[in-house]
């Protein structure tokens, strides 16, 4: 098995396994805390970590399963965008969230899989296994849109249920001015990561082209 195929299957296994484990741990915990099933599902799928890892699993699947319904996940722009998004997840958890909550047992296993192992595997896969040279600087603003839509969704949901997935988005404690300031900072961080990804994509493409000359 070549390295690209190995990373594809390993990424799919870790991503799907991490998501299933987190689901099996979180939903019963939410139900035990008094949420009903729709509320528990809404909370689970409100996390950026969960949504980004679901997209990674679908990207890996698009490499293995030749289904036309997965064509979106074969787009170089989406794959590059996800390299930046999943890096943001790992960095935010490492530098901020890990100091706020103490996890152990299977919760810690799921946390490490989704926040560290899956991002690292995906970055390795993207760097080594993707055809480069198709990303453009003009695409950067469009790549910010899915995360901005996510932000709008969780803020609207927060107004309804008075619950926010991350401390930096908690409008009840921080107020909307504080949340918008945090969101602006995270948007700038993501824009910087996207710029890095686009630059790497173009650099790798030039190196690959030079190697074939």
N, C-alpha and C. Protein backbone atom coordinates (compact mmCIF):
# COMPACT_ATOMS: atom_id res chain seq x y z
N UNK A 1 0.86 -1.20 0.00
CA UNK A 1 0.00 0.00 0.00
C UNK A 1 0.89 1.24 0.00
N UNK A 2 0.64 2.18 -0.95
CA UNK A 2 1.46 3.37 -1.02
C UNK A 2 1.12 4.33 0.13
N UNK A 3 2.03 5.29 0.45
CA UNK A 3 1.83 6.17 1.60
C UNK A 3 0.53 6.97 1.54
N UNK A 4 0.15 7.43 0.36
CA UNK A 4 -1.09 8.22 0.25
C UNK A 4 -2.30 7.36 0.63
N UNK A 5 -2.34 6.15 0.12
CA UNK A 5 -3.48 5.27 0.43
C UNK A 5 -3.48 4.89 1.90
N UNK A 6 -2.29 4.67 2.45
CA UNK A 6 -2.18 4.34 3.88
C UNK A 6 -2.71 5.48 4.73
N UNK A 7 -2.30 6.71 4.42
CA UNK A 7 -2.77 7.87 5.18
C UNK A 7 -4.27 8.08 5.02
N UNK A 8 -4.78 7.79 3.82
CA UNK A 8 -6.22 7.92 3.59
C UNK A 8 -7.00 6.97 4.50
N UNK A 9 -6.60 5.72 4.54
CA UNK A 9 -7.32 4.74 5.36
C UNK A 9 -7.11 5.00 6.85
N UNK A 10 -5.90 5.42 7.22
CA UNK A 10 -5.63 5.71 8.62
C UNK A 10 -6.42 6.94 9.08
N UNK A 11 -6.46 7.96 8.23
CA UNK A 11 -7.23 9.16 8.57
C UNK A 11 -8.72 8.86 8.68
N UNK A 12 -9.23 8.04 7.76
CA UNK A 12 -10.64 7.66 7.80
C UNK A 12 -10.94 6.88 9.07
N UNK A 13 -10.08 5.94 9.41
CA UNK A 13 -10.29 5.11 10.60
C UNK A 13 -10.27 5.95 11.87
N UNK A 14 -9.28 6.82 12.01
CA UNK A 14 -9.17 7.65 13.21
C UNK A 14 -10.30 8.67 13.28
N UNK A 15 -10.64 9.27 12.14
CA UNK A 15 -11.71 10.27 12.12
C UNK A 15 -13.06 9.67 12.45
N UNK A 16 -13.41 8.60 11.74
CA UNK A 16 -14.71 7.96 11.99
C UNK A 16 -14.75 7.36 13.39
N UNK A 17 -13.64 6.74 13.80
CA UNK A 17 -13.60 6.15 15.14
C UNK A 17 -13.72 7.20 16.22
N UNK A 18 -13.02 8.32 16.06
CA UNK A 18 -13.10 9.40 17.04
C UNK A 18 -14.48 10.00 17.13
N UNK A 19 -15.12 10.19 15.98
CA UNK A 19 -16.47 10.76 15.97
C UNK A 19 -17.48 9.82 16.61
N UNK A 20 -17.41 8.53 16.29
CA UNK A 20 -18.34 7.56 16.88
C UNK A 20 -18.12 7.47 18.39
N UNK A 21 -16.87 7.42 18.81
CA UNK A 21 -16.58 7.35 20.25
C UNK A 21 -17.09 8.59 20.96
N UNK A 22 -16.83 9.77 20.39
CA UNK A 22 -17.30 11.01 21.02
C UNK A 22 -18.82 11.05 21.08
N UNK A 23 -19.48 10.59 20.03
CA UNK A 23 -20.94 10.55 20.00
C UNK A 23 -21.48 9.62 21.09
N UNK A 24 -20.88 8.44 21.19
CA UNK A 24 -21.36 7.45 22.18
C UNK A 24 -21.11 7.89 23.61
N UNK A 25 -20.11 8.76 23.81
CA UNK A 25 -19.85 9.28 25.14
C UNK A 25 -20.69 10.52 25.45
N UNK A 26 -20.82 11.40 24.48
CA UNK A 26 -21.44 12.70 24.72
C UNK A 26 -22.96 12.63 24.82
N UNK A 27 -23.60 11.89 23.91
CA UNK A 27 -25.07 11.88 23.91
C UNK A 27 -25.63 11.34 25.22
N UNK A 28 -25.15 10.19 25.73
CA UNK A 28 -25.65 9.75 27.05
C UNK A 28 -25.38 10.76 28.16
N UNK A 29 -24.21 11.42 28.10
CA UNK A 29 -23.89 12.42 29.12
C UNK A 29 -24.86 13.60 29.04
N UNK A 30 -25.18 14.05 27.84
CA UNK A 30 -26.14 15.14 27.68
C UNK A 30 -27.53 14.73 28.18
N UNK A 31 -27.93 13.52 27.85
CA UNK A 31 -29.24 13.03 28.29
C UNK A 31 -29.29 12.92 29.81
N UNK A 32 -28.20 12.45 30.40
CA UNK A 32 -28.15 12.32 31.85
C UNK A 32 -28.19 13.68 32.54
N UNK A 33 -27.72 14.72 31.84
CA UNK A 33 -27.72 16.07 32.39
C UNK A 33 -29.08 16.76 32.24
N UNK A 34 -30.04 16.08 31.61
CA UNK A 34 -31.38 16.63 31.53
C UNK A 34 -31.84 17.09 30.17
N UNK A 35 -30.98 16.97 29.17
CA UNK A 35 -31.41 17.35 27.83
C UNK A 35 -32.27 16.25 27.22
N UNK A 36 -33.18 16.65 26.33
CA UNK A 36 -33.89 15.65 25.55
C UNK A 36 -33.02 15.27 24.36
N UNK A 37 -33.45 14.28 23.55
CA UNK A 37 -32.61 13.81 22.45
C UNK A 37 -32.34 14.89 21.41
N UNK A 38 -33.34 15.67 20.95
CA UNK A 38 -33.03 16.74 20.00
C UNK A 38 -32.05 17.75 20.58
N UNK A 39 -32.20 18.07 21.86
CA UNK A 39 -31.27 19.00 22.48
C UNK A 39 -29.87 18.45 22.56
N UNK A 40 -29.76 17.15 22.86
CA UNK A 40 -28.45 16.51 22.93
C UNK A 40 -27.78 16.50 21.56
N UNK A 41 -28.54 16.15 20.53
CA UNK A 41 -27.99 16.14 19.17
C UNK A 41 -27.60 17.55 18.73
N UNK A 42 -28.43 18.53 19.06
CA UNK A 42 -28.12 19.91 18.70
C UNK A 42 -26.84 20.39 19.35
N UNK A 43 -26.63 20.01 20.60
CA UNK A 43 -25.40 20.39 21.29
C UNK A 43 -24.19 19.72 20.66
N UNK A 44 -24.31 18.43 20.38
CA UNK A 44 -23.19 17.68 19.79
C UNK A 44 -22.75 18.28 18.46
N UNK A 45 -23.72 18.57 17.60
CA UNK A 45 -23.39 19.05 16.26
C UNK A 45 -23.18 20.56 16.21
N UNK A 46 -23.17 21.22 17.37
CA UNK A 46 -22.86 22.65 17.42
C UNK A 46 -21.36 22.91 17.51
N UNK A 47 -20.59 21.85 17.72
CA UNK A 47 -19.14 22.02 17.89
C UNK A 47 -18.42 22.04 16.55
N UNK A 48 -17.59 23.05 16.38
CA UNK A 48 -16.79 23.20 15.17
C UNK A 48 -15.88 21.98 14.96
N UNK A 49 -15.36 21.46 16.06
CA UNK A 49 -14.52 20.25 15.99
C UNK A 49 -15.26 19.09 15.33
N UNK A 50 -16.49 18.88 15.75
CA UNK A 50 -17.27 17.76 15.21
C UNK A 50 -17.53 17.98 13.72
N UNK A 51 -17.95 19.16 13.35
CA UNK A 51 -18.30 19.43 11.95
C UNK A 51 -17.07 19.34 11.04
N UNK A 52 -15.94 19.88 11.49
CA UNK A 52 -14.74 19.82 10.65
C UNK A 52 -14.26 18.38 10.49
N UNK A 53 -14.32 17.59 11.55
CA UNK A 53 -13.89 16.20 11.44
C UNK A 53 -14.84 15.37 10.57
N UNK A 54 -16.11 15.72 10.57
CA UNK A 54 -17.05 15.04 9.66
C UNK A 54 -16.64 15.32 8.21
N UNK A 55 -16.28 16.57 7.92
CA UNK A 55 -15.86 16.91 6.56
C UNK A 55 -14.59 16.15 6.18
N UNK A 56 -13.66 16.02 7.11
CA UNK A 56 -12.44 15.26 6.82
C UNK A 56 -12.76 13.81 6.47
N UNK A 57 -13.67 13.21 7.22
CA UNK A 57 -14.08 11.82 6.94
C UNK A 57 -14.66 11.72 5.53
N UNK A 58 -15.47 12.69 5.14
CA UNK A 58 -16.07 12.68 3.81
C UNK A 58 -15.02 12.89 2.72
N UNK A 59 -13.99 13.68 3.02
CA UNK A 59 -12.89 13.86 2.06
C UNK A 59 -12.16 12.54 1.85
N UNK A 60 -11.86 11.85 2.95
CA UNK A 60 -11.20 10.54 2.82
C UNK A 60 -12.09 9.56 2.04
N UNK A 61 -13.37 9.57 2.35
CA UNK A 61 -14.29 8.68 1.64
C UNK A 61 -14.31 8.97 0.15
N UNK A 62 -14.20 10.25 -0.21
CA UNK A 62 -14.22 10.63 -1.63
C UNK A 62 -13.01 10.08 -2.38
N UNK A 63 -11.94 9.75 -1.65
CA UNK A 63 -10.77 9.14 -2.25
C UNK A 63 -10.97 7.65 -2.49
N UNK A 64 -11.82 7.04 -1.68
CA UNK A 64 -12.00 5.59 -1.71
C UNK A 64 -13.22 5.18 -2.50
N UNK A 65 -14.31 5.96 -2.35
CA UNK A 65 -15.59 5.62 -2.96
C UNK A 65 -15.83 6.53 -4.17
N UNK A 66 -15.96 5.99 -5.39
CA UNK A 66 -16.13 6.82 -6.59
C UNK A 66 -17.57 7.26 -6.80
N UNK A 67 -18.17 7.83 -5.76
CA UNK A 67 -19.56 8.27 -5.85
C UNK A 67 -19.62 9.73 -6.27
N UNK A 68 -20.49 10.05 -7.20
CA UNK A 68 -20.60 11.44 -7.67
C UNK A 68 -21.10 12.37 -6.57
N UNK A 69 -21.82 11.81 -5.61
CA UNK A 69 -22.30 12.62 -4.49
C UNK A 69 -21.18 13.15 -3.61
N UNK A 70 -19.97 12.62 -3.78
CA UNK A 70 -18.82 13.07 -3.00
C UNK A 70 -17.91 14.00 -3.80
N UNK A 71 -18.34 14.44 -4.98
CA UNK A 71 -17.50 15.28 -5.84
C UNK A 71 -17.05 16.56 -5.14
N UNK A 72 -17.94 17.14 -4.32
CA UNK A 72 -17.60 18.37 -3.61
C UNK A 72 -16.33 18.19 -2.79
N UNK A 73 -16.17 17.00 -2.20
CA UNK A 73 -15.06 16.76 -1.29
C UNK A 73 -13.77 16.39 -2.02
N UNK A 74 -13.83 16.38 -3.35
CA UNK A 74 -12.63 16.18 -4.15
C UNK A 74 -12.05 17.50 -4.64
N UNK A 75 -12.73 18.61 -4.37
CA UNK A 75 -12.26 19.91 -4.85
C UNK A 75 -10.98 20.31 -4.12
N UNK A 76 -9.93 20.68 -4.83
CA UNK A 76 -8.68 21.09 -4.18
C UNK A 76 -8.88 22.27 -3.23
N UNK A 77 -9.78 23.19 -3.60
CA UNK A 77 -10.01 24.35 -2.76
C UNK A 77 -10.63 23.96 -1.41
N UNK A 78 -11.57 23.03 -1.42
CA UNK A 78 -12.17 22.59 -0.17
C UNK A 78 -11.16 21.81 0.67
N UNK A 79 -10.39 20.97 0.02
CA UNK A 79 -9.38 20.20 0.76
C UNK A 79 -8.34 21.12 1.39
N UNK A 80 -7.92 22.14 0.67
CA UNK A 80 -6.99 23.10 1.23
C UNK A 80 -7.61 23.92 2.35
N UNK A 81 -8.84 24.34 2.17
CA UNK A 81 -9.55 25.08 3.20
C UNK A 81 -9.62 24.27 4.50
N UNK A 82 -9.88 22.98 4.38
CA UNK A 82 -9.99 22.14 5.57
C UNK A 82 -8.65 21.95 6.26
N UNK A 83 -7.54 22.04 5.51
CA UNK A 83 -6.23 21.99 6.16
C UNK A 83 -6.08 23.16 7.13
N UNK A 84 -6.56 24.33 6.71
CA UNK A 84 -6.49 25.51 7.59
C UNK A 84 -7.49 25.39 8.75
N UNK A 85 -8.71 24.95 8.46
CA UNK A 85 -9.74 24.87 9.50
C UNK A 85 -9.37 23.87 10.59
N UNK A 86 -8.87 22.71 10.20
CA UNK A 86 -8.55 21.69 11.21
C UNK A 86 -7.30 22.08 11.98
N UNK A 87 -6.40 22.85 11.37
CA UNK A 87 -5.25 23.39 12.10
C UNK A 87 -5.72 24.38 13.16
N UNK A 88 -6.69 25.21 12.81
CA UNK A 88 -7.25 26.15 13.77
C UNK A 88 -7.84 25.41 14.96
N UNK A 89 -8.54 24.30 14.69
CA UNK A 89 -9.11 23.49 15.77
C UNK A 89 -8.01 23.02 16.72
N UNK A 90 -6.97 22.42 16.17
CA UNK A 90 -5.90 21.89 17.00
C UNK A 90 -5.20 22.97 17.81
N UNK A 91 -4.91 24.10 17.19
CA UNK A 91 -4.21 25.19 17.88
C UNK A 91 -5.07 25.78 19.00
N UNK A 92 -6.36 25.98 18.73
CA UNK A 92 -7.24 26.58 19.74
C UNK A 92 -7.37 25.65 20.95
N UNK A 93 -7.52 24.37 20.68
CA UNK A 93 -7.65 23.42 21.79
C UNK A 93 -6.34 23.34 22.57
N UNK A 94 -5.22 23.30 21.88
CA UNK A 94 -3.93 23.15 22.56
C UNK A 94 -3.60 24.37 23.41
N UNK A 95 -3.84 25.56 22.87
CA UNK A 95 -3.43 26.77 23.58
C UNK A 95 -4.49 27.34 24.52
N UNK A 96 -5.76 26.93 24.36
CA UNK A 96 -6.82 27.51 25.17
C UNK A 96 -7.64 26.46 25.92
N UNK A 97 -8.34 25.60 25.21
CA UNK A 97 -9.34 24.74 25.83
C UNK A 97 -8.75 23.69 26.77
N UNK A 98 -7.56 23.21 26.49
CA UNK A 98 -7.03 22.13 27.32
C UNK A 98 -6.76 22.57 28.75
N UNK A 99 -6.68 23.88 28.97
CA UNK A 99 -6.47 24.39 30.33
C UNK A 99 -7.78 24.59 31.09
N UNK A 100 -8.89 24.48 30.39
CA UNK A 100 -10.19 24.78 31.00
C UNK A 100 -10.93 23.55 31.48
N UNK A 101 -10.65 22.39 30.91
CA UNK A 101 -11.37 21.17 31.25
C UNK A 101 -10.40 20.01 31.42
N UNK A 102 -10.56 19.27 32.53
CA UNK A 102 -9.73 18.09 32.77
C UNK A 102 -10.50 16.85 32.32
N UNK A 103 -9.96 16.13 31.35
CA UNK A 103 -10.60 14.93 30.82
C UNK A 103 -9.80 13.70 31.21
N UNK A 104 -10.48 12.57 31.29
CA UNK A 104 -9.78 11.32 31.52
C UNK A 104 -10.53 10.19 30.84
N UNK A 105 -9.95 9.00 30.85
CA UNK A 105 -10.60 7.83 30.28
C UNK A 105 -10.87 7.97 28.80
N UNK A 106 -12.01 7.44 28.38
CA UNK A 106 -12.37 7.46 26.97
C UNK A 106 -12.65 8.88 26.46
N UNK A 107 -13.09 9.77 27.34
CA UNK A 107 -13.29 11.17 26.92
C UNK A 107 -11.95 11.77 26.47
N UNK A 108 -10.88 11.44 27.17
CA UNK A 108 -9.57 11.94 26.80
C UNK A 108 -9.10 11.32 25.49
N UNK A 109 -9.40 10.03 25.30
CA UNK A 109 -9.03 9.35 24.04
C UNK A 109 -9.73 10.03 22.87
N UNK A 110 -11.05 10.25 22.98
CA UNK A 110 -11.80 10.90 21.91
C UNK A 110 -11.29 12.31 21.66
N UNK A 111 -11.00 13.04 22.73
CA UNK A 111 -10.51 14.41 22.62
C UNK A 111 -9.18 14.44 21.87
N UNK A 112 -8.26 13.55 22.22
CA UNK A 112 -6.96 13.53 21.56
C UNK A 112 -7.08 13.12 20.09
N UNK A 113 -7.96 12.18 19.81
CA UNK A 113 -8.16 11.76 18.42
C UNK A 113 -8.64 12.92 17.56
N UNK A 114 -9.70 13.60 18.00
CA UNK A 114 -10.34 14.61 17.17
C UNK A 114 -9.58 15.93 17.13
N UNK A 115 -8.82 16.23 18.19
CA UNK A 115 -8.16 17.53 18.26
C UNK A 115 -6.69 17.50 17.87
N UNK A 116 -6.06 16.34 17.94
CA UNK A 116 -4.63 16.27 17.66
C UNK A 116 -4.28 15.24 16.58
N UNK A 117 -4.71 14.00 16.77
CA UNK A 117 -4.35 12.94 15.83
C UNK A 117 -4.94 13.21 14.45
N UNK A 118 -6.25 13.48 14.39
CA UNK A 118 -6.89 13.72 13.09
C UNK A 118 -6.35 14.95 12.37
N UNK A 119 -6.14 16.07 13.05
CA UNK A 119 -5.53 17.20 12.35
C UNK A 119 -4.14 16.89 11.80
N UNK A 120 -3.30 16.22 12.59
CA UNK A 120 -1.95 15.91 12.12
C UNK A 120 -1.98 14.96 10.93
N UNK A 121 -2.83 13.93 11.00
CA UNK A 121 -2.94 12.99 9.89
C UNK A 121 -3.43 13.69 8.63
N UNK A 122 -4.42 14.59 8.79
CA UNK A 122 -4.95 15.27 7.61
C UNK A 122 -3.90 16.18 6.99
N UNK A 123 -3.14 16.88 7.82
CA UNK A 123 -2.11 17.77 7.28
C UNK A 123 -1.05 16.96 6.53
N UNK A 124 -0.66 15.82 7.08
CA UNK A 124 0.29 14.94 6.40
C UNK A 124 -0.30 14.47 5.07
N UNK A 125 -1.56 14.08 5.09
CA UNK A 125 -2.23 13.60 3.88
C UNK A 125 -2.32 14.71 2.84
N UNK A 126 -2.69 15.91 3.29
CA UNK A 126 -2.84 17.03 2.35
C UNK A 126 -1.50 17.41 1.74
N UNK A 127 -0.46 17.46 2.54
CA UNK A 127 0.85 17.85 2.04
C UNK A 127 1.42 16.84 1.06
N UNK A 128 1.24 15.54 1.37
CA UNK A 128 1.89 14.51 0.58
C UNK A 128 1.01 13.84 -0.46
N UNK A 129 -0.31 13.89 -0.24
CA UNK A 129 -1.18 13.08 -1.07
C UNK A 129 -2.12 13.81 -2.00
N UNK A 130 -2.05 15.14 -2.00
CA UNK A 130 -2.99 15.93 -2.80
C UNK A 130 -2.26 16.56 -3.98
N UNK A 131 -2.95 16.65 -5.08
CA UNK A 131 -2.41 17.35 -6.25
C UNK A 131 -2.44 18.85 -5.98
N UNK A 132 -1.27 19.48 -6.02
CA UNK A 132 -1.16 20.89 -5.64
C UNK A 132 -1.11 21.81 -6.86
N UNK A 133 -1.27 23.10 -6.58
CA UNK A 133 -1.16 24.11 -7.62
C UNK A 133 -2.48 24.62 -8.15
N UNK A 134 -3.59 24.26 -7.51
CA UNK A 134 -4.91 24.67 -8.01
C UNK A 134 -5.60 25.68 -7.10
N UNK A 135 -4.93 26.09 -6.03
CA UNK A 135 -5.51 27.10 -5.15
C UNK A 135 -5.02 28.48 -5.58
N UNK A 136 -5.89 29.50 -5.43
CA UNK A 136 -5.58 30.86 -5.84
C UNK A 136 -5.84 31.83 -4.68
N UNK A 137 -5.07 32.90 -4.63
CA UNK A 137 -5.24 33.89 -3.58
C UNK A 137 -6.64 34.50 -3.59
N UNK A 138 -7.21 34.63 -4.77
CA UNK A 138 -8.54 35.23 -4.89
C UNK A 138 -9.62 34.38 -4.22
N UNK A 139 -9.31 33.10 -3.95
CA UNK A 139 -10.28 32.21 -3.32
C UNK A 139 -10.32 32.33 -1.81
N UNK A 140 -9.34 33.03 -1.23
CA UNK A 140 -9.25 33.10 0.23
C UNK A 140 -10.51 33.64 0.90
N UNK A 141 -11.08 34.78 0.42
CA UNK A 141 -12.29 35.26 1.09
C UNK A 141 -13.44 34.26 1.07
N UNK A 142 -13.59 33.54 -0.05
CA UNK A 142 -14.67 32.55 -0.16
C UNK A 142 -14.46 31.42 0.84
N UNK A 143 -13.20 31.07 1.11
CA UNK A 143 -12.89 29.99 2.04
C UNK A 143 -13.24 30.34 3.48
N UNK A 144 -13.39 31.62 3.77
CA UNK A 144 -13.80 32.04 5.11
C UNK A 144 -15.30 31.89 5.34
N UNK A 145 -16.05 31.81 4.24
CA UNK A 145 -17.52 31.84 4.34
C UNK A 145 -18.11 30.70 5.17
N UNK A 146 -17.70 29.42 4.98
CA UNK A 146 -18.30 28.36 5.80
C UNK A 146 -18.14 28.58 7.29
N UNK A 147 -16.98 29.07 7.72
CA UNK A 147 -16.77 29.32 9.15
C UNK A 147 -17.61 30.49 9.62
N UNK A 148 -17.79 31.50 8.79
CA UNK A 148 -18.64 32.63 9.16
C UNK A 148 -20.11 32.20 9.25
N UNK A 149 -20.52 31.29 8.38
CA UNK A 149 -21.88 30.74 8.46
C UNK A 149 -22.03 29.95 9.76
N UNK A 150 -21.01 29.18 10.11
CA UNK A 150 -21.03 28.44 11.38
C UNK A 150 -21.19 29.42 12.54
N UNK A 151 -20.43 30.50 12.54
CA UNK A 151 -20.52 31.50 13.60
C UNK A 151 -21.93 32.07 13.71
N UNK A 152 -22.52 32.43 12.57
CA UNK A 152 -23.88 32.97 12.58
C UNK A 152 -24.87 31.95 13.13
N UNK A 153 -24.68 30.68 12.77
CA UNK A 153 -25.57 29.62 13.24
C UNK A 153 -25.49 29.45 14.75
N UNK A 154 -24.27 29.35 15.29
CA UNK A 154 -24.16 29.09 16.73
C UNK A 154 -24.62 30.30 17.55
N UNK A 155 -24.46 31.49 17.01
CA UNK A 155 -24.95 32.66 17.72
C UNK A 155 -26.47 32.71 17.70
N UNK A 156 -27.08 32.38 16.57
CA UNK A 156 -28.55 32.33 16.50
C UNK A 156 -29.08 31.23 17.40
N UNK A 157 -28.42 30.08 17.41
CA UNK A 157 -28.82 28.99 18.29
C UNK A 157 -28.68 29.40 19.75
N UNK A 158 -27.62 30.14 20.05
CA UNK A 158 -27.40 30.60 21.43
C UNK A 158 -28.49 31.51 21.93
N UNK A 159 -29.02 32.36 21.06
CA UNK A 159 -30.14 33.21 21.45
C UNK A 159 -31.34 32.37 21.84
N UNK A 160 -31.51 31.26 21.14
CA UNK A 160 -32.66 30.37 21.37
C UNK A 160 -32.48 29.52 22.63
N UNK A 161 -31.33 28.88 22.78
CA UNK A 161 -31.15 27.92 23.88
C UNK A 161 -30.28 28.46 25.00
N UNK A 162 -29.71 29.66 24.82
CA UNK A 162 -28.82 30.25 25.84
C UNK A 162 -27.64 29.33 26.15
N UNK A 163 -27.05 28.78 25.12
CA UNK A 163 -25.93 27.87 25.28
C UNK A 163 -25.00 28.04 24.09
N UNK A 164 -23.71 28.08 24.36
CA UNK A 164 -22.71 28.30 23.30
C UNK A 164 -21.64 27.23 23.39
N UNK A 165 -21.15 26.75 22.27
CA UNK A 165 -20.21 25.62 22.29
C UNK A 165 -18.82 25.96 22.82
N UNK A 166 -18.41 27.23 22.71
CA UNK A 166 -17.07 27.61 23.14
C UNK A 166 -17.12 28.87 24.00
N UNK A 167 -16.21 28.97 24.98
CA UNK A 167 -16.22 30.14 25.89
C UNK A 167 -16.10 31.47 25.16
N UNK A 168 -15.33 31.52 24.09
CA UNK A 168 -15.13 32.80 23.38
C UNK A 168 -16.38 33.25 22.65
N UNK A 169 -17.39 32.35 22.54
CA UNK A 169 -18.64 32.71 21.86
C UNK A 169 -19.79 32.92 22.84
N UNK A 170 -19.51 32.87 24.13
CA UNK A 170 -20.57 32.95 25.14
C UNK A 170 -21.03 34.39 25.31
N UNK A 171 -22.10 34.74 24.60
CA UNK A 171 -22.61 36.11 24.64
C UNK A 171 -23.23 36.45 25.97
N UNK A 172 -23.68 35.45 26.72
CA UNK A 172 -24.28 35.70 28.04
C UNK A 172 -23.23 36.27 28.99
N UNK A 173 -22.02 35.71 28.95
CA UNK A 173 -20.95 36.16 29.84
C UNK A 173 -20.13 37.31 29.27
N UNK A 174 -19.90 37.28 27.98
CA UNK A 174 -19.00 38.26 27.37
C UNK A 174 -19.72 39.45 26.75
N UNK A 175 -21.00 39.29 26.45
CA UNK A 175 -21.71 40.31 25.69
C UNK A 175 -21.39 40.18 24.21
N UNK A 176 -22.22 40.76 23.40
CA UNK A 176 -22.01 40.61 21.95
C UNK A 176 -20.77 41.34 21.47
N UNK A 177 -20.42 42.44 22.12
CA UNK A 177 -19.20 43.16 21.71
C UNK A 177 -17.97 42.29 21.95
N UNK A 178 -17.93 41.62 23.10
CA UNK A 178 -16.80 40.73 23.38
C UNK A 178 -16.74 39.56 22.43
N UNK A 179 -17.90 39.00 22.13
CA UNK A 179 -17.95 37.86 21.19
C UNK A 179 -17.50 38.29 19.81
N UNK A 180 -17.96 39.44 19.35
CA UNK A 180 -17.56 39.91 18.01
C UNK A 180 -16.05 40.17 17.94
N UNK A 181 -15.49 40.68 19.05
CA UNK A 181 -14.05 40.90 19.08
C UNK A 181 -13.30 39.57 18.99
N UNK A 182 -13.77 38.57 19.74
CA UNK A 182 -13.15 37.24 19.67
C UNK A 182 -13.30 36.63 18.27
N UNK A 183 -14.50 36.79 17.69
CA UNK A 183 -14.75 36.25 16.36
C UNK A 183 -13.85 36.91 15.32
N UNK A 184 -13.63 38.20 15.48
CA UNK A 184 -12.74 38.90 14.54
C UNK A 184 -11.31 38.36 14.65
N UNK A 185 -10.87 38.11 15.90
CA UNK A 185 -9.54 37.55 16.09
C UNK A 185 -9.39 36.17 15.48
N UNK A 186 -10.41 35.32 15.68
CA UNK A 186 -10.36 33.97 15.11
C UNK A 186 -10.44 34.01 13.59
N UNK A 187 -11.21 34.96 13.05
CA UNK A 187 -11.29 35.09 11.60
C UNK A 187 -9.95 35.49 11.01
N UNK A 188 -9.26 36.40 11.70
CA UNK A 188 -7.93 36.80 11.23
C UNK A 188 -6.95 35.63 11.32
N UNK A 189 -7.08 34.84 12.40
CA UNK A 189 -6.21 33.67 12.54
C UNK A 189 -6.46 32.67 11.41
N UNK A 190 -7.74 32.44 11.12
CA UNK A 190 -8.07 31.51 10.03
C UNK A 190 -7.60 32.05 8.69
N UNK A 191 -7.76 33.36 8.47
CA UNK A 191 -7.28 33.96 7.22
C UNK A 191 -5.78 33.77 7.08
N UNK A 192 -5.04 33.92 8.20
CA UNK A 192 -3.61 33.70 8.16
C UNK A 192 -3.25 32.26 7.82
N UNK A 193 -3.99 31.32 8.40
CA UNK A 193 -3.75 29.91 8.10
C UNK A 193 -4.09 29.58 6.66
N UNK A 194 -5.16 30.17 6.15
CA UNK A 194 -5.53 29.96 4.75
C UNK A 194 -4.45 30.51 3.82
N UNK A 195 -3.92 31.68 4.17
CA UNK A 195 -2.84 32.25 3.37
C UNK A 195 -1.63 31.33 3.37
N UNK A 196 -1.33 30.75 4.53
CA UNK A 196 -0.21 29.82 4.62
C UNK A 196 -0.45 28.58 3.76
N UNK A 197 -1.68 28.06 3.80
CA UNK A 197 -2.03 26.88 3.00
C UNK A 197 -1.92 27.18 1.51
N UNK A 198 -2.43 28.32 1.09
CA UNK A 198 -2.35 28.68 -0.34
C UNK A 198 -0.90 28.84 -0.76
N UNK A 199 -0.10 29.50 0.09
CA UNK A 199 1.31 29.66 -0.22
C UNK A 199 2.03 28.32 -0.33
N UNK A 200 1.74 27.41 0.60
CA UNK A 200 2.34 26.07 0.55
C UNK A 200 1.90 25.31 -0.69
N UNK A 201 0.62 25.43 -1.03
CA UNK A 201 0.09 24.75 -2.21
C UNK A 201 0.85 25.18 -3.47
N UNK A 202 1.08 26.48 -3.59
CA UNK A 202 1.77 26.99 -4.77
C UNK A 202 3.25 26.64 -4.75
N UNK A 203 3.86 26.66 -3.55
CA UNK A 203 5.27 26.31 -3.43
C UNK A 203 5.50 24.84 -3.78
N UNK A 204 4.66 23.95 -3.24
CA UNK A 204 4.80 22.52 -3.52
C UNK A 204 4.60 22.25 -5.01
N UNK A 205 3.63 22.95 -5.61
CA UNK A 205 3.38 22.77 -7.04
C UNK A 205 4.60 23.16 -7.86
N UNK A 206 5.26 24.27 -7.49
CA UNK A 206 6.46 24.70 -8.22
C UNK A 206 7.59 23.69 -8.05
N UNK A 207 7.73 23.16 -6.83
CA UNK A 207 8.78 22.17 -6.59
C UNK A 207 8.52 20.88 -7.36
N UNK A 208 7.24 20.47 -7.39
CA UNK A 208 6.88 19.27 -8.14
C UNK A 208 7.11 19.49 -9.62
N UNK A 209 6.78 20.68 -10.09
CA UNK A 209 7.00 20.98 -11.51
C UNK A 209 8.47 20.98 -11.86
N UNK A 210 9.29 21.53 -10.94
CA UNK A 210 10.72 21.55 -11.18
C UNK A 210 11.31 20.16 -11.19
N UNK A 211 10.75 19.28 -10.36
CA UNK A 211 11.27 17.91 -10.27
C UNK A 211 11.00 17.14 -11.55
N UNK A 212 9.95 17.55 -12.29
CA UNK A 212 9.59 16.85 -13.52
C UNK A 212 10.27 17.43 -14.75
N UNK A 213 10.93 18.60 -14.57
CA UNK A 213 11.58 19.24 -15.73
C UNK A 213 12.82 18.44 -16.18
